[in-house]
Amino acid sequence: MFEYEDLSQYFVSKNSCNFCNGNDLSEWGSRGFLKLVKCEMCGLVYINPRLNDAGLNKYNTKNNQNRVNDIKSLQMREEMFRLECDYLLKHIKTHKSILDIGCGGGGFLQSFPDQYNKIGTEYDPVIVRATEKKGIKCYSGDFLKLKFTETSFDVIIFRGVIEHVLDPKGTLEKASDMLVKKGLMYITSTPNLSSVCAEVYRGNWNIVGPDHLYYFDESLF
């Protein structure tokens, strides 16, 4: 894994809040090279300065390679996927099409029965190819720039994703527009700003890292 300082050339300042455009910011915490601020208008916490697009690509490419090679971790993820899939299936019995944004190789989508139309997106072409080898259609690139042949989806999933994107508000707005009426959006595995760990550890929270750009609580959704 890269040291934060190795990425210093890729950090840029973000002086207004992505959710409310407020610029009344206060220091929330720090971890080594990383600094975190809180928007006093809406409560969003984010890294500032943060990695730009090139920096995120560099960091994530290295992490993806490490993840693919970690067999034990992959096995644990499969069990986690199964449990979450069982939970979701209780709520999506009448829904047929699923879009997993940032699908991470399609492991979670693969957990769903074949009767569902399962589609993913990924930024890394290597991960896109790994997803398609599982028989799952996968769009390659930035979700905000992608053009889909499908007009809408019954279920849209953000699993450990929304904290990584440069424009979470724009991403959620586009996803909302792609949902059918009474469709479901599943946001999970994202840092919880209301948690005890967030309040106690702040910048020393073990999930604070260069690729976790934003930190939310339920009120922001």
C-alpha atoms as a PDB file:
ATOM      1  CA  MET A   1       0.000   0.000   0.000  1.00  0.00           C
ATOM      2  CA  PHE A   2       1.214   3.508  -0.766  1.00  0.00           C
ATOM      3  CA  GLU A   3       2.293   5.809   2.007  1.00  0.00           C
ATOM      4  CA  TYR A   4       0.150   8.941   2.002  1.00  0.00           C
ATOM      5  CA  GLU A   5       3.192  11.111   1.299  1.00  0.00           C
ATOM      6  CA  ASP A   6       3.873   9.168  -1.918  1.00  0.00           C
ATOM      7  CA  LEU A   7       0.596  10.578  -3.262  1.00  0.00           C
ATOM      8  CA  SER A   8       1.156  14.186  -2.172  1.00  0.00           C
ATOM      9  CA  GLN A   9       1.446  15.507  -5.747  1.00  0.00           C
ATOM     10  CA  TYR A  10      -2.113  14.323  -6.487  1.00  0.00           C
ATOM     11  CA  PHE A  11      -3.872  16.181  -3.655  1.00  0.00           C
ATOM     12  CA  VAL A  12      -6.064  19.181  -4.498  1.00  0.00           C
ATOM     13  CA  SER A  13      -8.126  21.478  -2.287  1.00  0.00           C
ATOM     14  CA  LYS A  14     -11.925  21.234  -2.138  1.00  0.00           C
ATOM     15  CA  ASN A  15     -13.135  24.419  -0.483  1.00  0.00           C
ATOM     16  CA  SER A  16     -16.900  23.976  -0.773  1.00  0.00           C
ATOM     17  CA  CYS A  17     -19.161  21.167   0.419  1.00  0.00           C
ATOM     18  CA  ASN A  18     -20.322  18.681  -2.213  1.00  0.00           C
ATOM     19  CA  PHE A  19     -23.787  18.369  -0.657  1.00  0.00           C
ATOM     20  CA  CYS A  20     -24.758  21.976   0.153  1.00  0.00           C
ATOM     21  CA  ASN A  21     -21.972  24.099  -1.420  1.00  0.00           C
ATOM     22  CA  GLY A  22     -21.277  25.610   1.991  1.00  0.00           C
ATOM     23  CA  ASN A  23     -17.775  26.897   2.657  1.00  0.00           C
ATOM     24  CA  ASP A  24     -17.929  27.269   6.443  1.00  0.00           C
ATOM     25  CA  LEU A  25     -15.517  24.464   7.285  1.00  0.00           C
ATOM     26  CA  SER A  26     -13.959  23.397  10.572  1.00  0.00           C
ATOM     27  CA  GLU A  27     -11.178  20.930  11.278  1.00  0.00           C
ATOM     28  CA  TRP A  28     -12.631  17.521  12.189  1.00  0.00           C
ATOM     29  CA  GLY A  29      -9.502  15.348  12.435  1.00  0.00           C
ATOM     30  CA  SER A  30      -6.261  14.275  10.816  1.00  0.00           C
ATOM     31  CA  ARG A  31      -4.260  11.138  10.139  1.00  0.00           C
ATOM     32  CA  GLY A  32      -0.696  11.720   9.084  1.00  0.00           C
ATOM     33  CA  PHE A  33      -0.740  13.517   5.762  1.00  0.00           C
ATOM     34  CA  LEU A  34      -4.554  13.437   5.617  1.00  0.00           C
ATOM     35  CA  LYS A  35      -6.671  16.315   6.927  1.00  0.00           C
ATOM     36  CA  LEU A  36     -10.445  16.132   7.406  1.00  0.00           C
ATOM     37  CA  VAL A  37     -12.918  18.997   7.591  1.00  0.00           C
ATOM     38  CA  LYS A  38     -16.585  19.262   8.550  1.00  0.00           C
ATOM     39  CA  CYS A  39     -19.165  21.413   6.774  1.00  0.00           C
ATOM     40  CA  GLU A  40     -20.904  23.476   9.456  1.00  0.00           C
ATOM     41  CA  MET A  41     -24.021  23.860   7.289  1.00  0.00           C
ATOM     42  CA  CYS A  42     -24.923  20.205   6.643  1.00  0.00           C
ATOM     43  CA  GLY A  43     -22.451  18.140   8.673  1.00  0.00           C
ATOM     44  CA  LEU A  44     -20.658  16.354   5.819  1.00  0.00           C
ATOM     45  CA  VAL A  45     -17.068  15.392   6.683  1.00  0.00           C
ATOM     46  CA  TYR A  46     -14.490  15.022   3.930  1.00  0.00           C
ATOM     47  CA  ILE A  47     -10.777  14.887   3.235  1.00  0.00           C
ATOM     48  CA  ASN A  48      -9.403  18.276   2.227  1.00  0.00           C
ATOM     49  CA  PRO A  49      -7.099  18.460   0.327  1.00  0.00           C
ATOM     50  CA  ARG A  50      -8.108  15.199  -1.349  1.00  0.00           C
ATOM     51  CA  LEU A  51      -6.863  12.979  -4.154  1.00  0.00           C
ATOM     52  CA  ASN A  52      -7.716  14.026  -7.685  1.00  0.00           C
ATOM     53  CA  ASP A  53      -8.853  11.581 -10.354  1.00  0.00           C
ATOM     54  CA  ALA A  54      -5.305  10.545 -11.326  1.00  0.00           C
ATOM     55  CA  GLY A  55      -4.334   9.981  -7.703  1.00  0.00           C
ATOM     56  CA  LEU A  56      -7.398   7.861  -7.013  1.00  0.00           C
ATOM     57  CA  ASN A  57      -6.663   5.720 -10.072  1.00  0.00           C
ATOM     58  CA  LYS A  58      -3.082   5.155  -8.932  1.00  0.00           C
ATOM     59  CA  TYR A  59      -4.109   4.255  -5.397  1.00  0.00           C
ATOM     60  CA  ASN A  60      -7.070   2.062  -6.345  1.00  0.00           C
ATOM     61  CA  THR A  61      -5.177   0.129  -9.027  1.00  0.00           C
ATOM     62  CA  LYS A  62      -2.623  -0.954  -6.445  1.00  0.00           C
ATOM     63  CA  ASN A  63      -5.330  -1.834  -3.897  1.00  0.00           C
ATOM     64  CA  ASN A  64      -7.326  -3.824  -6.452  1.00  0.00           C
ATOM     65  CA  GLN A  65      -4.276  -5.920  -7.284  1.00  0.00           C
ATOM     66  CA  ASN A  66      -3.719  -6.659  -3.589  1.00  0.00           C
ATOM     67  CA  ARG A  67      -7.383  -7.556  -3.107  1.00  0.00           C
ATOM     68  CA  VAL A  68      -7.476 -10.006  -6.017  1.00  0.00           C
ATOM     69  CA  ASN A  69      -4.428 -11.819  -4.626  1.00  0.00           C
ATOM     70  CA  ASP A  70      -5.840 -12.103  -1.074  1.00  0.00           C
ATOM     71  CA  ILE A  71      -7.611 -15.475  -1.276  1.00  0.00           C
ATOM     72  CA  LYS A  72      -8.582 -15.610   2.415  1.00  0.00           C
ATOM     73  CA  SER A  73     -10.194 -12.196   2.207  1.00  0.00           C
ATOM     74  CA  LEU A  74     -12.071 -13.195  -0.947  1.00  0.00           C
ATOM     75  CA  GLN A  75     -13.509 -16.242   0.818  1.00  0.00           C
ATOM     76  CA  MET A  76     -14.687 -14.089   3.722  1.00  0.00           C
ATOM     77  CA  ARG A  77     -16.270 -11.652   1.307  1.00  0.00           C
ATOM     78  CA  GLU A  78     -18.200 -14.448  -0.369  1.00  0.00           C
ATOM     79  CA  GLU A  79     -19.825 -15.344   2.952  1.00  0.00           C
ATOM     80  CA  MET A  80     -20.576 -11.673   3.609  1.00  0.00           C
ATOM     81  CA  PHE A  81     -22.120 -11.348   0.134  1.00  0.00           C
ATOM     82  CA  ARG A  82     -24.334 -14.372   0.770  1.00  0.00           C
ATOM     83  CA  LEU A  83     -25.675 -12.949   4.037  1.00  0.00           C
ATOM     84  CA  GLU A  84     -26.404  -9.546   2.516  1.00  0.00           C
ATOM     85  CA  CYS A  85     -27.996 -11.095  -0.556  1.00  0.00           C
ATOM     86  CA  ASP A  86     -30.321 -13.170   1.636  1.00  0.00           C
ATOM     87  CA  TYR A  87     -31.354  -9.978   3.426  1.00  0.00           C
ATOM     88  CA  LEU A  88     -32.002  -8.061   0.206  1.00  0.00           C
ATOM     89  CA  LEU A  89     -33.989 -10.862  -1.396  1.00  0.00           C
ATOM     90  CA  LYS A  90     -36.592 -10.414   1.338  1.00  0.00           C
ATOM     91  CA  HIS A  91     -37.293  -6.942  -0.054  1.00  0.00           C
ATOM     92  CA  ILE A  92     -36.861  -7.277  -3.832  1.00  0.00           C
ATOM     93  CA  LYS A  93     -39.134 -10.189  -4.727  1.00  0.00           C
ATOM     94  CA  THR A  94     -40.993  -8.175  -7.387  1.00  0.00           C
ATOM     95  CA  HIS A  95     -37.872  -6.464  -8.730  1.00  0.00           C
ATOM     96  CA  LYS A  96     -35.989  -7.963 -11.665  1.00  0.00           C
ATOM     97  CA  SER A  97     -33.124  -5.660 -12.700  1.00  0.00           C
ATOM     98  CA  ILE A  98     -30.133  -4.825 -10.482  1.00  0.00           C
ATOM     99  CA  LEU A  99     -27.358  -2.284 -11.077  1.00  0.00           C
ATOM    100  CA  ASP A 100     -24.315  -2.526  -8.800  1.00  0.00           C
ATOM    101  CA  ILE A 101     -22.275   0.671  -9.072  1.00  0.00           C
ATOM    102  CA  GLY A 102     -18.602  -0.032  -8.373  1.00  0.00           C
ATOM    103  CA  CYS A 103     -19.304  -3.757  -8.368  1.00  0.00           C
ATOM    104  CA  GLY A 104     -15.738  -4.770  -7.454  1.00  0.00           C
ATOM    105  CA  GLY A 105     -15.518  -7.790  -9.730  1.00  0.00           C
ATOM    106  CA  GLY A 106     -19.165  -8.812  -9.562  1.00  0.00           C
ATOM    107  CA  GLY A 107     -18.936 -11.003  -6.466  1.00  0.00           C
ATOM    108  CA  PHE A 108     -22.005  -9.512  -4.820  1.00  0.00           C
ATOM    109  CA  LEU A 109     -24.062  -9.606  -8.019  1.00  0.00           C
ATOM    110  CA  GLN A 110     -23.065 -13.221  -8.509  1.00  0.00           C
ATOM    111  CA  SER A 111     -24.786 -14.032  -5.204  1.00  0.00           C
ATOM    112  CA  PHE A 112     -28.205 -13.211  -6.677  1.00  0.00           C
ATOM    113  CA  PRO A 113     -30.244 -15.897  -8.479  1.00  0.00           C
ATOM    114  CA  ASP A 114     -29.967 -16.110 -12.270  1.00  0.00           C
ATOM    115  CA  GLN A 115     -33.551 -14.874 -12.689  1.00  0.00           C
ATOM    116  CA  TYR A 116     -32.341 -11.323 -12.036  1.00  0.00           C
ATOM    117  CA  ASN A 117     -30.869  -9.110 -14.745  1.00  0.00           C
ATOM    118  CA  LYS A 118     -27.538  -8.201 -13.118  1.00  0.00           C
ATOM    119  CA  ILE A 119     -25.370  -5.339 -14.389  1.00  0.00           C
ATOM    120  CA  GLY A 120     -22.314  -3.687 -12.858  1.00  0.00           C
ATOM    121  CA  THR A 121     -20.043  -0.692 -13.349  1.00  0.00           C
ATOM    122  CA  GLU A 122     -16.344  -0.365 -12.571  1.00  0.00           C
ATOM    123  CA  TYR A 123     -13.628   2.195 -13.184  1.00  0.00           C
ATOM    124  CA  ASP A 124     -10.726  -0.251 -13.458  1.00  0.00           C
ATOM    125  CA  PRO A 125     -10.702  -2.153 -16.812  1.00  0.00           C
ATOM    126  CA  VAL A 126      -9.023  -5.143 -15.118  1.00  0.00           C
ATOM    127  CA  ILE A 127     -11.956  -5.434 -12.689  1.00  0.00           C
ATOM    128  CA  VAL A 128     -14.419  -4.993 -15.573  1.00  0.00           C
ATOM    129  CA  ARG A 129     -12.897  -7.992 -17.353  1.00  0.00           C
ATOM    130  CA  ALA A 130     -13.013 -10.049 -14.145  1.00  0.00           C
ATOM    131  CA  THR A 131     -16.706  -9.188 -13.789  1.00  0.00           C
ATOM    132  CA  GLU A 132     -17.541 -10.134 -17.368  1.00  0.00           C
ATOM    133  CA  LYS A 133     -15.770 -13.483 -16.949  1.00  0.00           C
ATOM    134  CA  LYS A 134     -18.489 -14.254 -14.393  1.00  0.00           C
ATOM    135  CA  GLY A 135     -21.103 -13.714 -17.123  1.00  0.00           C
ATOM    136  CA  ILE A 136     -22.148 -10.304 -15.775  1.00  0.00           C
ATOM    137  CA  LYS A 137     -22.428  -7.292 -18.063  1.00  0.00           C
ATOM    138  CA  CYS A 138     -20.212  -4.495 -16.765  1.00  0.00           C
ATOM    139  CA  TYR A 139     -19.826  -0.894 -17.915  1.00  0.00           C
ATOM    140  CA  SER A 140     -16.309   0.549 -17.754  1.00  0.00           C
ATOM    141  CA  GLY A 141     -15.585   4.080 -16.552  1.00  0.00           C
ATOM    142  CA  ASP A 142     -16.847   6.882 -14.335  1.00  0.00           C
ATOM    143  CA  PHE A 143     -20.521   6.262 -13.527  1.00  0.00           C
ATOM    144  CA  LEU A 144     -21.373   9.942 -14.032  1.00  0.00           C
ATOM    145  CA  LYS A 145     -20.029   9.810 -17.601  1.00  0.00           C
ATOM    146  CA  LEU A 146     -21.474   6.434 -18.587  1.00  0.00           C
ATOM    147  CA  LYS A 147     -24.308   6.087 -21.098  1.00  0.00           C
ATOM    148  CA  PHE A 148     -26.472   3.033 -20.452  1.00  0.00           C
ATOM    149  CA  THR A 149     -28.487   1.112 -23.002  1.00  0.00           C
ATOM    150  CA  GLU A 150     -30.861   0.182 -20.164  1.00  0.00           C
ATOM    151  CA  THR A 151     -33.351   2.962 -19.387  1.00  0.00           C
ATOM    152  CA  SER A 152     -34.026   2.112 -15.740  1.00  0.00           C
ATOM    153  CA  PHE A 153     -33.402  -0.341 -12.910  1.00  0.00           C
ATOM    154  CA  ASP A 154     -35.478  -1.809 -10.095  1.00  0.00           C
ATOM    155  CA  VAL A 155     -32.589  -1.925  -7.612  1.00  0.00           C
ATOM    156  CA  ILE A 156     -29.391   0.160  -7.512  1.00  0.00           C
ATOM    157  CA  ILE A 157     -26.596  -0.842  -5.147  1.00  0.00           C
ATOM    158  CA  PHE A 158     -23.799   1.230  -3.621  1.00  0.00           C
ATOM    159  CA  ARG A 159     -21.795  -1.247  -1.582  1.00  0.00           C
ATOM    160  CA  GLY A 160     -18.699   0.377  -0.089  1.00  0.00           C
ATOM    161  CA  VAL A 161     -18.680   2.888  -2.946  1.00  0.00           C
ATOM    162  CA  ILE A 162     -20.296   6.257  -2.248  1.00  0.00           C
ATOM    163  CA  GLU A 163     -17.459   7.386   0.056  1.00  0.00           C
ATOM    164  CA  HIS A 164     -14.943   6.847  -2.779  1.00  0.00           C
ATOM    165  CA  VAL A 165     -16.455   8.961  -5.566  1.00  0.00           C
ATOM    166  CA  LEU A 166     -15.409  12.537  -6.293  1.00  0.00           C
ATOM    167  CA  ASP A 167     -19.010  13.775  -6.641  1.00  0.00           C
ATOM    168  CA  PRO A 168     -21.304  11.770  -4.331  1.00  0.00           C
ATOM    169  CA  LYS A 169     -24.239  14.180  -4.670  1.00  0.00           C
ATOM    170  CA  GLY A 170     -24.175  14.049  -8.482  1.00  0.00           C
ATOM    171  CA  THR A 171     -23.744  10.276  -8.364  1.00  0.00           C
ATOM    172  CA  LEU A 172     -26.785   9.815  -6.113  1.00  0.00           C
ATOM    173  CA  GLU A 173     -28.869  12.170  -8.250  1.00  0.00           C
ATOM    174  CA  LYS A 174     -28.076  10.250 -11.436  1.00  0.00           C
ATOM    175  CA  ALA A 175     -28.776   6.927  -9.732  1.00  0.00           C
ATOM    176  CA  SER A 176     -32.116   8.243  -8.433  1.00  0.00           C
ATOM    177  CA  ASP A 177     -33.095   9.260 -11.959  1.00  0.00           C
ATOM    178  CA  MET A 178     -32.356   5.713 -13.142  1.00  0.00           C
ATOM    179  CA  LEU A 179     -34.615   4.037 -10.570  1.00  0.00           C
ATOM    180  CA  VAL A 180     -38.101   2.910 -11.529  1.00  0.00           C
ATOM    181  CA  LYS A 181     -41.009   4.214  -9.478  1.00  0.00           C
ATOM    182  CA  LYS A 182     -40.841   2.482  -6.082  1.00  0.00           C
ATOM    183  CA  GLY A 183     -37.394   1.194  -6.948  1.00  0.00           C
ATOM    184  CA  LEU A 184     -34.891   0.481  -4.195  1.00  0.00           C
ATOM    185  CA  MET A 185     -31.476   2.037  -3.544  1.00  0.00           C
ATOM    186  CA  TYR A 186     -29.206   0.022  -1.263  1.00  0.00           C
ATOM    187  CA  ILE A 187     -26.339   1.985   0.340  1.00  0.00           C
ATOM    188  CA  THR A 188     -24.158  -0.050   2.686  1.00  0.00           C
ATOM    189  CA  SER A 189     -20.601  -0.675   3.921  1.00  0.00           C
ATOM    190  CA  THR A 190     -19.854   3.043   4.087  1.00  0.00           C
ATOM    191  CA  PRO A 191     -18.275   4.903   7.039  1.00  0.00           C
ATOM    192  CA  ASN A 192     -20.961   5.880   9.582  1.00  0.00           C
ATOM    193  CA  LEU A 193     -20.285   9.364  10.915  1.00  0.00           C
ATOM    194  CA  SER A 194     -22.776   8.746  13.740  1.00  0.00           C
ATOM    195  CA  SER A 195     -20.842   5.741  15.049  1.00  0.00           C
ATOM    196  CA  VAL A 196     -18.996   5.666  18.357  1.00  0.00           C
ATOM    197  CA  CYS A 197     -15.735   4.990  16.498  1.00  0.00           C
ATOM    198  CA  ALA A 198     -16.119   8.160  14.432  1.00  0.00           C
ATOM    199  CA  GLU A 199     -16.684  10.312  17.505  1.00  0.00           C
ATOM    200  CA  VAL A 200     -13.923   8.757  19.624  1.00  0.00           C
ATOM    201  CA  TYR A 201     -11.154   8.306  17.057  1.00  0.00           C
ATOM    202  CA  ARG A 202     -11.843  11.030  14.466  1.00  0.00           C
ATOM    203  CA  GLY A 203      -8.791  11.098  12.184  1.00  0.00           C
ATOM    204  CA  ASN A 204      -7.353   7.992  13.862  1.00  0.00           C
ATOM    205  CA  TRP A 205     -10.421   5.972  12.866  1.00  0.00           C
ATOM    206  CA  ASN A 206      -8.992   2.896  11.142  1.00  0.00           C
ATOM    207  CA  ILE A 207     -11.079   3.375   7.996  1.00  0.00           C
ATOM    208  CA  VAL A 208      -9.697   6.854   7.308  1.00  0.00           C
ATOM    209  CA  GLY A 209      -7.543   6.585   4.190  1.00  0.00           C
ATOM    210  CA  PRO A 210      -6.715   8.422   0.959  1.00  0.00           C
ATOM    211  CA  ASP A 211      -9.528   6.776  -0.988  1.00  0.00           C
ATOM    212  CA  HIS A 212     -12.267   7.364   1.621  1.00  0.00           C
ATOM    213  CA  LEU A 213     -13.047  10.901   0.513  1.00  0.00           C
ATOM    214  CA  TYR A 214     -16.385  11.435   2.311  1.00  0.00           C
ATOM    215  CA  TYR A 215     -17.957  10.439   5.640  1.00  0.00           C
ATOM    216  CA  PHE A 216     -21.744  10.431   6.063  1.00  0.00           C
ATOM    217  CA  ASP A 217     -24.527   9.853   8.526  1.00  0.00           C
ATOM    218  CA  GLU A 218     -28.166   8.997   7.739  1.00  0.00           C
ATOM    219  CA  SER A 219     -29.340  12.614   7.842  1.00  0.00           C
ATOM    220  CA  LEU A 220     -27.303  13.391   4.707  1.00  0.00           C
ATOM    221  CA  PHE A 221     -29.297  10.882   2.653  1.00  0.00           C
END
